[in-house]
Amino acid sequence: LQLRDIPLVSITKLHDNTLASLSTVNLYVSPARFQLDKEGDGRPP
């Protein structure tokens, strides 16, 4: 799309990434992880 000068809006997690750098406009968000169980029980946040 960039080679063709086609406008691109991307929605990504906020961090250094290739898609954001190639986009006309980047909208970013910052997800968060929450530990619901005791740490070490093997369950992911």
ModelCIF file with pLDDT and N, C-alpha, C, O atoms, coordinates in Angstrom:
data_MODEL
#
_entry.id   MODEL 
#
_entity.id                         1 
_entity.type                       polymer 
_entity.pdbx_number_of_molecules   1 
#
_entity_poly.entity_id                      1 
_entity_poly.type                           'polypeptide(L)' 
_entity_poly.nstd_linkage                   no 
_entity_poly.nstd_monomer                   no 
_entity_poly.pdbx_seq_one_letter_code       LQLRDIPLVSITKLHDNTLASLSTVNLYVSPARFQLDKEGDGRPP 
_entity_poly.pdbx_seq_one_letter_code_can   LQLRDIPLVSITKLHDNTLASLSTVNLYVSPARFQLDKEGDGRPP 
_entity_poly.pdbx_strand_id                 A 
#
loop_
_entity_poly_seq.entity_id 
_entity_poly_seq.num 
_entity_poly_seq.mon_id 
_entity_poly_seq.hetero 
1 1  LEU n 
1 2  GLN n 
1 3  LEU n 
1 4  ARG n 
1 5  ASP n 
1 6  ILE n 
1 7  PRO n 
1 8  LEU n 
1 9  VAL n 
1 10 SER n 
1 11 ILE n 
1 12 THR n 
1 13 LYS n 
1 14 LEU n 
1 15 HIS n 
1 16 ASP n 
1 17 ASN n 
1 18 THR n 
1 19 LEU n 
1 20 ALA n 
1 21 SER n 
1 22 LEU n 
1 23 SER n 
1 24 THR n 
1 25 VAL n 
1 26 ASN n 
1 27 LEU n 
1 28 TYR n 
1 29 VAL n 
1 30 SER n 
1 31 PRO n 
1 32 ALA n 
1 33 ARG n 
1 34 PHE n 
1 35 GLN n 
1 36 LEU n 
1 37 ASP n 
1 38 LYS n 
1 39 GLU n 
1 40 GLY n 
1 41 ASP n 
1 42 GLY n 
1 43 ARG n 
1 44 PRO n 
1 45 PRO n 
#
_struct_asym.id          A 
_struct_asym.entity_id   1 
#
loop_
_ma_qa_metric.id 
_ma_qa_metric.mode 
_ma_qa_metric.name 
_ma_qa_metric.software_group_id 
_ma_qa_metric.type 
1 global pLDDT . pLDDT 
2 local  pLDDT . pLDDT 
#
_ma_qa_metric_global.metric_id      1 
_ma_qa_metric_global.metric_value   84.00 
_ma_qa_metric_global.model_id       1 
_ma_qa_metric_global.ordinal_id     1 
#
loop_
_ma_qa_metric_local.label_asym_id 
_ma_qa_metric_local.label_comp_id 
_ma_qa_metric_local.label_seq_id 
_ma_qa_metric_local.metric_id 
_ma_qa_metric_local.metric_value 
_ma_qa_metric_local.model_id 
_ma_qa_metric_local.ordinal_id 
A LEU 1  2 96.00 1 1  
A GLN 2  2 94.00 1 2  
A LEU 3  2 94.00 1 3  
A ARG 4  2 95.00 1 4  
A ASP 5  2 95.00 1 5  
A ILE 6  2 96.00 1 6  
A PRO 7  2 97.00 1 7  
A LEU 8  2 97.00 1 8  
A VAL 9  2 97.00 1 9  
A SER 10 2 95.00 1 10 
A ILE 11 2 94.00 1 11 
A THR 12 2 91.00 1 12 
A LYS 13 2 85.00 1 13 
A LEU 14 2 77.00 1 14 
A HIS 15 2 74.00 1 15 
A ASP 16 2 73.00 1 16 
A ASN 17 2 83.00 1 17 
A THR 18 2 87.00 1 18 
A LEU 19 2 91.00 1 19 
A ALA 20 2 88.00 1 20 
A SER 21 2 87.00 1 21 
A LEU 22 2 91.00 1 22 
A SER 23 2 94.00 1 23 
A THR 24 2 95.00 1 24 
A VAL 25 2 94.00 1 25 
A ASN 26 2 92.00 1 26 
A LEU 27 2 93.00 1 27 
A TYR 28 2 89.00 1 28 
A VAL 29 2 88.00 1 29 
A SER 30 2 83.00 1 30 
A PRO 31 2 83.00 1 31 
A ALA 32 2 82.00 1 32 
A ARG 33 2 80.00 1 33 
A PHE 34 2 82.00 1 34 
A GLN 35 2 76.00 1 35 
A LEU 36 2 76.00 1 36 
A ASP 37 2 70.00 1 37 
A LYS 38 2 66.00 1 38 
A GLU 39 2 60.00 1 39 
A GLY 40 2 54.00 1 40 
A ASP 41 2 63.00 1 41 
A GLY 42 2 63.00 1 42 
A ARG 43 2 70.00 1 43 
A PRO 44 2 74.00 1 44 
A PRO 45 2 76.00 1 45 
#
loop_
_atom_site.group_PDB 
_atom_site.id 
_atom_site.type_symbol 
_atom_site.label_atom_id 
_atom_site.label_alt_id 
_atom_site.label_comp_id 
_atom_site.label_asym_id 
_atom_site.label_entity_id 
_atom_site.label_seq_id 
_atom_site.pdbx_PDB_ins_code 
_atom_site.Cartn_x 
_atom_site.Cartn_y 
_atom_site.Cartn_z 
_atom_site.occupancy 
_atom_site.B_iso_or_equiv 
_atom_site.pdbx_formal_charge 
_atom_site.auth_seq_id 
_atom_site.auth_comp_id 
_atom_site.auth_asym_id 
_atom_site.auth_atom_id 
_atom_site.pdbx_PDB_model_num 
ATOM 1   N N  . LEU A 1 1  ? 0.827  -1.205  0.000  1.00 96.00 ? 1  LEU A N  1 
ATOM 2   C CA . LEU A 1 1  ? 0.000  0.000   0.000  1.00 96.00 ? 1  LEU A CA 1 
ATOM 3   C C  . LEU A 1 1  ? 0.860  1.254   0.000  1.00 96.00 ? 1  LEU A C  1 
ATOM 4   O O  . LEU A 1 1  ? 0.533  2.235   -0.667 1.00 96.00 ? 1  LEU A O  1 
ATOM 5   N N  . GLN A 1 2  ? 1.959  1.225   0.746  1.00 94.00 ? 2  GLN A N  1 
ATOM 6   C CA . GLN A 1 2  ? 2.839  2.388   0.789  1.00 94.00 ? 2  GLN A CA 1 
ATOM 7   C C  . GLN A 1 2  ? 3.449  2.658   -0.584 1.00 94.00 ? 2  GLN A C  1 
ATOM 8   O O  . GLN A 1 2  ? 3.571  3.815   -0.986 1.00 94.00 ? 2  GLN A O  1 
ATOM 9   N N  . LEU A 1 3  ? 3.828  1.614   -1.300 1.00 94.00 ? 3  LEU A N  1 
ATOM 10  C CA . LEU A 1 3  ? 4.387  1.777   -2.646 1.00 94.00 ? 3  LEU A CA 1 
ATOM 11  C C  . LEU A 1 3  ? 3.386  2.413   -3.594 1.00 94.00 ? 3  LEU A C  1 
ATOM 12  O O  . LEU A 1 3  ? 3.775  3.097   -4.541 1.00 94.00 ? 3  LEU A O  1 
ATOM 13  N N  . ARG A 1 4  ? 2.093  2.192   -3.349 1.00 95.00 ? 4  ARG A N  1 
ATOM 14  C CA . ARG A 1 4  ? 1.037  2.748   -4.194 1.00 95.00 ? 4  ARG A CA 1 
ATOM 15  C C  . ARG A 1 4  ? 0.466  4.056   -3.641 1.00 95.00 ? 4  ARG A C  1 
ATOM 16  O O  . ARG A 1 4  ? -0.473 4.616   -4.207 1.00 95.00 ? 4  ARG A O  1 
ATOM 17  N N  . ASP A 1 5  ? 1.036  4.541   -2.532 1.00 95.00 ? 5  ASP A N  1 
ATOM 18  C CA . ASP A 1 5  ? 0.557  5.772   -1.876 1.00 95.00 ? 5  ASP A CA 1 
ATOM 19  C C  . ASP A 1 5  ? -0.906 5.676   -1.472 1.00 95.00 ? 5  ASP A C  1 
ATOM 20  O O  . ASP A 1 5  ? -1.651 6.652   -1.569 1.00 95.00 ? 5  ASP A O  1 
ATOM 21  N N  . ILE A 1 6  ? -1.314 4.491   -1.017 1.00 96.00 ? 6  ILE A N  1 
ATOM 22  C CA . ILE A 1 6  ? -2.692 4.289   -0.559 1.00 96.00 ? 6  ILE A CA 1 
ATOM 23  C C  . ILE A 1 6  ? -2.760 4.598   0.935  1.00 96.00 ? 6  ILE A C  1 
ATOM 24  O O  . ILE A 1 6  ? -1.963 4.044   1.693  1.00 96.00 ? 6  ILE A O  1 
ATOM 25  N N  . PRO A 1 7  ? -3.667 5.450   1.392  1.00 97.00 ? 7  PRO A N  1 
ATOM 26  C CA . PRO A 1 7  ? -3.766 5.775   2.825  1.00 97.00 ? 7  PRO A CA 1 
ATOM 27  C C  . PRO A 1 7  ? -4.033 4.541   3.673  1.00 97.00 ? 7  PRO A C  1 
ATOM 28  O O  . PRO A 1 7  ? -4.832 3.679   3.306  1.00 97.00 ? 7  PRO A O  1 
ATOM 29  N N  . LEU A 1 8  ? -3.356 4.468   4.808  1.00 97.00 ? 8  LEU A N  1 
ATOM 30  C CA . LEU A 1 8  ? -3.505 3.329   5.712  1.00 97.00 ? 8  LEU A CA 1 
ATOM 31  C C  . LEU A 1 8  ? -3.582 3.810   7.157  1.00 97.00 ? 8  LEU A C  1 
ATOM 32  O O  . LEU A 1 8  ? -2.707 4.533   7.634  1.00 97.00 ? 8  LEU A O  1 
ATOM 33  N N  . VAL A 1 9  ? -4.643 3.395   7.844  1.00 97.00 ? 9  VAL A N  1 
ATOM 34  C CA . VAL A 1 9  ? -4.792 3.640   9.280  1.00 97.00 ? 9  VAL A CA 1 
ATOM 35  C C  . VAL A 1 9  ? -4.531 2.311   9.977  1.00 97.00 ? 9  VAL A C  1 
ATOM 36  O O  . VAL A 1 9  ? -5.151 1.303   9.637  1.00 97.00 ? 9  VAL A O  1 
ATOM 37  N N  . SER A 1 10 ? -3.621 2.297   10.951 1.00 95.00 ? 10 SER A N  1 
ATOM 38  C CA . SER A 1 10 ? -3.358 1.063   11.689 1.00 95.00 ? 10 SER A CA 1 
ATOM 39  C C  . SER A 1 10 ? -3.737 1.245   13.152 1.00 95.00 ? 10 SER A C  1 
ATOM 40  O O  . SER A 1 10 ? -3.592 2.327   13.720 1.00 95.00 ? 10 SER A O  1 
ATOM 41  N N  . ILE A 1 11 ? -4.219 0.175   13.743 1.00 94.00 ? 11 ILE A N  1 
ATOM 42  C CA . ILE A 1 11 ? -4.506 0.139   15.177 1.00 94.00 ? 11 ILE A CA 1 
ATOM 43  C C  . ILE A 1 11 ? -3.654 -0.969  15.766 1.00 94.00 ? 11 ILE A C  1 
ATOM 44  O O  . ILE A 1 11 ? -3.863 -2.144  15.463 1.00 94.00 ? 11 ILE A O  1 
ATOM 45  N N  . THR A 1 12 ? -2.693 -0.603  16.606 1.00 91.00 ? 12 THR A N  1 
ATOM 46  C CA . THR A 1 12 ? -1.747 -1.567  17.162 1.00 91.00 ? 12 THR A CA 1 
ATOM 47  C C  . THR A 1 12 ? -1.530 -1.292  18.650 1.00 91.00 ? 12 THR A C  1 
ATOM 48  O O  . THR A 1 12 ? -1.945 -0.262  19.180 1.00 91.00 ? 12 THR A O  1 
ATOM 49  N N  . LYS A 1 13 ? -0.877 -2.232  19.293 1.00 85.00 ? 13 LYS A N  1 
ATOM 50  C CA . LYS A 1 13 ? -0.388 -2.010  20.646 1.00 85.00 ? 13 LYS A CA 1 
ATOM 51  C C  . LYS A 1 13 ? 0.741  -0.993  20.579 1.00 85.00 ? 13 LYS A C  1 
ATOM 52  O O  . LYS A 1 13 ? 1.501  -0.963  19.610 1.00 85.00 ? 13 LYS A O  1 
ATOM 53  N N  . LEU A 1 14 ? 0.850  -0.158  21.613 1.00 77.00 ? 14 LEU A N  1 
ATOM 54  C CA . LEU A 1 14 ? 1.890  0.861   21.633 1.00 77.00 ? 14 LEU A CA 1 
ATOM 55  C C  . LEU A 1 14 ? 3.256  0.229   21.885 1.00 77.00 ? 14 LEU A C  1 
ATOM 56  O O  . LEU A 1 14 ? 3.591  -0.121  23.017 1.00 77.00 ? 14 LEU A O  1 
ATOM 57  N N  . HIS A 1 15 ? 4.026  0.090   20.832 1.00 74.00 ? 15 HIS A N  1 
ATOM 58  C CA . HIS A 1 15 ? 5.425  -0.304  20.918 1.00 74.00 ? 15 HIS A CA 1 
ATOM 59  C C  . HIS A 1 15 ? 6.008  -0.133  19.533 1.00 74.00 ? 15 HIS A C  1 
ATOM 60  O O  . HIS A 1 15 ? 5.270  0.013   18.559 1.00 74.00 ? 15 HIS A O  1 
ATOM 61  N N  . ASP A 1 16 ? 7.306  -0.150  19.439 1.00 73.00 ? 16 ASP A N  1 
ATOM 62  C CA . ASP A 1 16 ? 7.988  0.001   18.157 1.00 73.00 ? 16 ASP A CA 1 
ATOM 63  C C  . ASP A 1 16 ? 7.597  -1.155  17.255 1.00 73.00 ? 16 ASP A C  1 
ATOM 64  O O  . ASP A 1 16 ? 7.919  -2.305  17.554 1.00 73.00 ? 16 ASP A O  1 
ATOM 65  N N  . ASN A 1 17 ? 6.897  -0.868  16.138 1.00 83.00 ? 17 ASN A N  1 
ATOM 66  C CA . ASN A 1 17 ? 6.498  -1.948  15.236 1.00 83.00 ? 17 ASN A CA 1 
ATOM 67  C C  . ASN A 1 17 ? 6.492  -1.480  13.788 1.00 83.00 ? 17 ASN A C  1 
ATOM 68  O O  . ASN A 1 17 ? 6.342  -0.292  13.501 1.00 83.00 ? 17 ASN A O  1 
ATOM 69  N N  . THR A 1 18 ? 6.656  -2.432  12.889 1.00 87.00 ? 18 THR A N  1 
ATOM 70  C CA . THR A 1 18 ? 6.788  -2.133  11.467 1.00 87.00 ? 18 THR A CA 1 
ATOM 71  C C  . THR A 1 18 ? 5.517  -1.548  10.886 1.00 87.00 ? 18 THR A C  1 
ATOM 72  O O  . THR A 1 18 ? 5.578  -0.584  10.123 1.00 87.00 ? 18 THR A O  1 
ATOM 73  N N  . LEU A 1 19 ? 4.363  -2.109  11.228 1.00 91.00 ? 19 LEU A N  1 
ATOM 74  C CA . LEU A 1 19 ? 3.106  -1.630  10.657 1.00 91.00 ? 19 LEU A CA 1 
ATOM 75  C C  . LEU A 1 19 ? 2.879  -0.157  10.972 1.00 91.00 ? 19 LEU A C  1 
ATOM 76  O O  . LEU A 1 19 ? 2.503  0.616   10.091 1.00 91.00 ? 19 LEU A O  1 
ATOM 77  N N  . ALA A 1 20 ? 3.103  0.232   12.212 1.00 88.00 ? 20 ALA A N  1 
ATOM 78  C CA . ALA A 1 20 ? 2.895  1.633   12.596 1.00 88.00 ? 20 ALA A CA 1 
ATOM 79  C C  . ALA A 1 20 ? 3.778  2.560   11.771 1.00 88.00 ? 20 ALA A C  1 
ATOM 80  O O  . ALA A 1 20 ? 3.342  3.634   11.356 1.00 88.00 ? 20 ALA A O  1 
ATOM 81  N N  . SER A 1 21 ? 5.024  2.142   11.532 1.00 87.00 ? 21 SER A N  1 
ATOM 82  C CA . SER A 1 21 ? 5.955  2.997   10.785 1.00 87.00 ? 21 SER A CA 1 
ATOM 83  C C  . SER A 1 21 ? 5.569  3.105   9.315  1.00 87.00 ? 21 SER A C  1 
ATOM 84  O O  . SER A 1 21 ? 5.965  4.060   8.647  1.00 87.00 ? 21 SER A O  1 
ATOM 85  N N  . LEU A 1 22 ? 4.806  2.149   8.798  1.00 91.00 ? 22 LEU A N  1 
ATOM 86  C CA . LEU A 1 22 ? 4.383  2.163   7.394  1.00 91.00 ? 22 LEU A CA 1 
ATOM 87  C C  . LEU A 1 22 ? 3.028  2.831   7.195  1.00 91.00 ? 22 LEU A C  1 
ATOM 88  O O  . LEU A 1 22 ? 2.591  3.019   6.060  1.00 91.00 ? 22 LEU A O  1 
ATOM 89  N N  . SER A 1 23 ? 2.367  3.189   8.278  1.00 94.00 ? 23 SER A N  1 
ATOM 90  C CA . SER A 1 23 ? 0.997  3.700   8.207  1.00 94.00 ? 23 SER A CA 1 
ATOM 91  C C  . SER A 1 23 ? 0.945  5.207   8.005  1.00 94.00 ? 23 SER A C  1 
ATOM 92  O O  . SER A 1 23 ? 1.836  5.939   8.436  1.00 94.00 ? 23 SER A O  1 
ATOM 93  N N  . THR A 1 24 ? -0.112 5.654   7.345  1.00 95.00 ? 24 THR A N  1 
ATOM 94  C CA . THR A 1 24 ? -0.368 7.088   7.228  1.00 95.00 ? 24 THR A CA 1 
ATOM 95  C C  . THR A 1 24 ? -0.713 7.651   8.596  1.00 95.00 ? 24 THR A C  1 
ATOM 96  O O  . THR A 1 24 ? -0.235 8.716   8.986  1.00 95.00 ? 24 THR A O  1 
ATOM 97  N N  . VAL A 1 25 ? -1.553 6.916   9.322  1.00 94.00 ? 25 VAL A N  1 
ATOM 98  C CA . VAL A 1 25 ? -1.954 7.281   10.685 1.00 94.00 ? 25 VAL A CA 1 
ATOM 99  C C  . VAL A 1 25 ? -1.920 6.017   11.533 1.00 94.00 ? 25 VAL A C  1 
ATOM 100 O O  . VAL A 1 25 ? -2.438 4.976   11.128 1.00 94.00 ? 25 VAL A O  1 
ATOM 101 N N  . ASN A 1 26 ? -1.309 6.110   12.709 1.00 92.00 ? 26 ASN A N  1 
ATOM 102 C CA . ASN A 1 26 ? -1.316 4.978   13.637 1.00 92.00 ? 26 ASN A CA 1 
ATOM 103 C C  . ASN A 1 26 ? -2.094 5.351   14.890 1.00 92.00 ? 26 ASN A C  1 
ATOM 104 O O  . ASN A 1 26 ? -1.797 6.347   15.551 1.00 92.00 ? 26 ASN A O  1 
ATOM 105 N N  . LEU A 1 27 ? -3.102 4.530   15.207 1.00 93.00 ? 27 LEU A N  1 
ATOM 106 C CA . LEU A 1 27 ? -3.836 4.672   16.456 1.00 93.00 ? 27 LEU A CA 1 
ATOM 107 C C  . LEU A 1 27 ? -3.374 3.536   17.357 1.00 93.00 ? 27 LEU A C  1 
ATOM 108 O O  . LEU A 1 27 ? -3.432 2.370   16.968 1.00 93.00 ? 27 LEU A O  1 
ATOM 109 N N  . TYR A 1 28 ? -2.921 3.867   18.543 1.00 89.00 ? 28 TYR A N  1 
ATOM 110 C CA . TYR A 1 28 ? -2.335 2.844   19.400 1.00 89.00 ? 28 TYR A CA 1 
ATOM 111 C C  . TYR A 1 28 ? -3.093 2.735   20.713 1.00 89.00 ? 28 TYR A C  1 
ATOM 112 O O  . TYR A 1 28 ? -3.757 3.677   21.146 1.00 89.00 ? 28 TYR A O  1 
ATOM 113 N N  . VAL A 1 29 ? -2.985 1.590   21.326 1.00 88.00 ? 29 VAL A N  1 
ATOM 114 C CA . VAL A 1 29 ? -3.567 1.370   22.650 1.00 88.00 ? 29 VAL A CA 1 
ATOM 115 C C  . VAL A 1 29 ? -2.531 0.679   23.527 1.00 88.00 ? 29 VAL A C  1 
ATOM 116 O O  . VAL A 1 29 ? -1.537 0.142   23.039 1.00 88.00 ? 29 VAL A O  1 
ATOM 117 N N  . SER A 1 30 ? -2.781 0.704   24.811 1.00 83.00 ? 30 SER A N  1 
ATOM 118 C CA . SER A 1 30 ? -1.873 0.062   25.768 1.00 83.00 ? 30 SER A CA 1 
ATOM 119 C C  . SER A 1 30 ? -2.647 -0.934  26.612 1.00 83.00 ? 30 SER A C  1 
ATOM 120 O O  . SER A 1 30 ? -3.168 -0.562  27.664 1.00 83.00 ? 30 SER A O  1 
ATOM 121 N N  . PRO A 1 31 ? -2.741 -2.190  26.185 1.00 83.00 ? 31 PRO A N  1 
ATOM 122 C CA . PRO A 1 31 ? -3.422 -3.213  26.994 1.00 83.00 ? 31 PRO A CA 1 
ATOM 123 C C  . PRO A 1 31 ? -2.666 -3.454  28.293 1.00 83.00 ? 31 PRO A C  1 
ATOM 124 O O  . PRO A 1 31 ? -1.510 -3.055  28.428 1.00 83.00 ? 31 PRO A O  1 
ATOM 125 N N  . ALA A 1 32 ? -3.314 -4.102  29.238 1.00 82.00 ? 32 ALA A N  1 
ATOM 126 C CA . ALA A 1 32 ? -2.655 -4.401  30.513 1.00 82.00 ? 32 ALA A CA 1 
ATOM 127 C C  . ALA A 1 32 ? -2.974 -5.824  30.933 1.00 82.00 ? 32 ALA A C  1 
ATOM 128 O O  . ALA A 1 32 ? -4.019 -6.373  30.587 1.00 82.00 ? 32 ALA A O  1 
ATOM 129 N N  . ARG A 1 33 ? -2.054 -6.407  31.684 1.00 80.00 ? 33 ARG A N  1 
ATOM 130 C CA . ARG A 1 33 ? -2.243 -7.756  32.216 1.00 80.00 ? 33 ARG A CA 1 
ATOM 131 C C  . ARG A 1 33 ? -2.521 -7.677  33.713 1.00 80.00 ? 33 ARG A C  1 
ATOM 132 O O  . ARG A 1 33 ? -1.947 -6.853  34.425 1.00 80.00 ? 33 ARG A O  1 
ATOM 133 N N  . PHE A 1 34 ? -3.406 -8.546  34.172 1.00 82.00 ? 34 PHE A N  1 
ATOM 134 C CA . PHE A 1 34 ? -3.777 -8.578  35.585 1.00 82.00 ? 34 PHE A CA 1 
ATOM 135 C C  . PHE A 1 34 ? -3.640 -10.007 36.104 1.00 82.00 ? 34 PHE A C  1 
ATOM 136 O O  . PHE A 1 34 ? -4.163 -10.948 35.507 1.00 82.00 ? 34 PHE A O  1 
ATOM 137 N N  . GLN A 1 35 ? -2.942 -10.155 37.205 1.00 76.00 ? 35 GLN A N  1 
ATOM 138 C CA . GLN A 1 35 ? -2.753 -11.471 37.819 1.00 76.00 ? 35 GLN A CA 1 
ATOM 139 C C  . GLN A 1 35 ? -3.970 -11.779 38.684 1.00 76.00 ? 35 GLN A C  1 
ATOM 140 O O  . GLN A 1 35 ? -4.116 -11.215 39.769 1.00 76.00 ? 35 GLN A O  1 
ATOM 141 N N  . LEU A 1 36 ? -4.841 -12.664 38.218 1.00 76.00 ? 36 LEU A N  1 
ATOM 142 C CA . LEU A 1 36 ? -6.063 -12.974 38.947 1.00 76.00 ? 36 LEU A CA 1 
ATOM 143 C C  . LEU A 1 36 ? -5.855 -14.084 39.973 1.00 76.00 ? 36 LEU A C  1 
ATOM 144 O O  . LEU A 1 36 ? -6.628 -14.198 40.925 1.00 76.00 ? 36 LEU A O  1 
ATOM 145 N N  . ASP A 1 37 ? -4.833 -14.891 39.791 1.00 70.00 ? 37 ASP A N  1 
ATOM 146 C CA . ASP A 1 37 ? -4.573 -16.011 40.688 1.00 70.00 ? 37 ASP A CA 1 
ATOM 147 C C  . ASP A 1 37 ? -3.200 -15.843 41.326 1.00 70.00 ? 37 ASP A C  1 
ATOM 148 O O  . ASP A 1 37 ? -2.438 -14.950 40.956 1.00 70.00 ? 37 ASP A O  1 
ATOM 149 N N  . LYS A 1 38 ? -2.905 -16.679 42.251 1.00 66.00 ? 38 LYS A N  1 
ATOM 150 C CA . LYS A 1 38 ? -1.596 -16.621 42.900 1.00 66.00 ? 38 LYS A CA 1 
ATOM 151 C C  . LYS A 1 38 ? -0.497 -16.897 41.887 1.00 66.00 ? 38 LYS A C  1 
ATOM 152 O O  . LYS A 1 38 ? -0.597 -17.807 41.064 1.00 66.00 ? 38 LYS A O  1 
ATOM 153 N N  . GLU A 1 39 ? 0.548  -16.094 41.967 1.00 60.00 ? 39 GLU A N  1 
ATOM 154 C CA . GLU A 1 39 ? 1.669  -16.298 41.049 1.00 60.00 ? 39 GLU A CA 1 
ATOM 155 C C  . GLU A 1 39 ? 2.301  -17.664 41.289 1.00 60.00 ? 39 GLU A C  1 
ATOM 156 O O  . GLU A 1 39 ? 2.447  -18.111 42.426 1.00 60.00 ? 39 GLU A O  1 
ATOM 157 N N  . GLY A 1 40 ? 2.665  -18.302 40.209 1.00 54.00 ? 40 GLY A N  1 
ATOM 158 C CA . GLY A 1 40 ? 3.299  -19.606 40.304 1.00 54.00 ? 40 GLY A CA 1 
ATOM 159 C C  . GLY A 1 40 ? 2.335  -20.765 40.170 1.00 54.00 ? 40 GLY A C  1 
ATOM 160 O O  . GLY A 1 40 ? 2.749  -21.923 40.233 1.00 54.00 ? 40 GLY A O  1 
ATOM 161 N N  . ASP A 1 41 ? 1.029  -20.471 39.983 1.00 63.00 ? 41 ASP A N  1 
ATOM 162 C CA . ASP A 1 41 ? 0.079  -21.581 39.857 1.00 63.00 ? 41 ASP A CA 1 
ATOM 163 C C  . ASP A 1 41 ? -0.047 -22.056 38.411 1.00 63.00 ? 41 ASP A C  1 
ATOM 164 O O  . ASP A 1 41 ? -0.824 -22.963 38.115 1.00 63.00 ? 41 ASP A O  1 
ATOM 165 N N  . GLY A 1 42 ? 0.722  -21.439 37.513 1.00 63.00 ? 42 GLY A N  1 
ATOM 166 C CA . GLY A 1 42 ? 0.742  -21.888 36.120 1.00 63.00 ? 42 GLY A CA 1 
ATOM 167 C C  . GLY A 1 42 ? -0.269 -21.211 35.222 1.00 63.00 ? 42 GLY A C  1 
ATOM 168 O O  . GLY A 1 42 ? -0.214 -21.389 34.005 1.00 63.00 ? 42 GLY A O  1 
ATOM 169 N N  . ARG A 1 43 ? -1.181 -20.448 35.772 1.00 70.00 ? 43 ARG A N  1 
ATOM 170 C CA . ARG A 1 43 ? -2.182 -19.777 34.946 1.00 70.00 ? 43 ARG A CA 1 
ATOM 171 C C  . ARG A 1 43 ? -1.642 -18.439 34.457 1.00 70.00 ? 43 ARG A C  1 
ATOM 172 O O  . ARG A 1 43 ? -1.057 -17.679 35.230 1.00 70.00 ? 43 ARG A O  1 
ATOM 173 N N  . PRO A 1 44 ? -1.840 -18.148 33.159 1.00 74.00 ? 44 PRO A N  1 
ATOM 174 C CA . PRO A 1 44 ? -1.345 -16.871 32.635 1.00 74.00 ? 44 PRO A CA 1 
ATOM 175 C C  . PRO A 1 44 ? -2.196 -15.716 33.148 1.00 74.00 ? 44 PRO A C  1 
ATOM 176 O O  . PRO A 1 44 ? -3.355 -15.920 33.510 1.00 74.00 ? 44 PRO A O  1 
ATOM 177 N N  . PRO A 1 45 ? -1.640 -14.508 33.186 1.00 76.00 ? 45 PRO A N  1 
ATOM 178 C CA . PRO A 1 45 ? -2.406 -13.338 33.615 1.00 76.00 ? 45 PRO A CA 1 
ATOM 179 C C  . PRO A 1 45 ? -3.542 -13.053 32.643 1.00 76.00 ? 45 PRO A C  1 
ATOM 180 O O  . PRO A 1 45 ? -4.299 -12.102 32.839 1.00 76.00 ? 45 PRO A O  1 
#
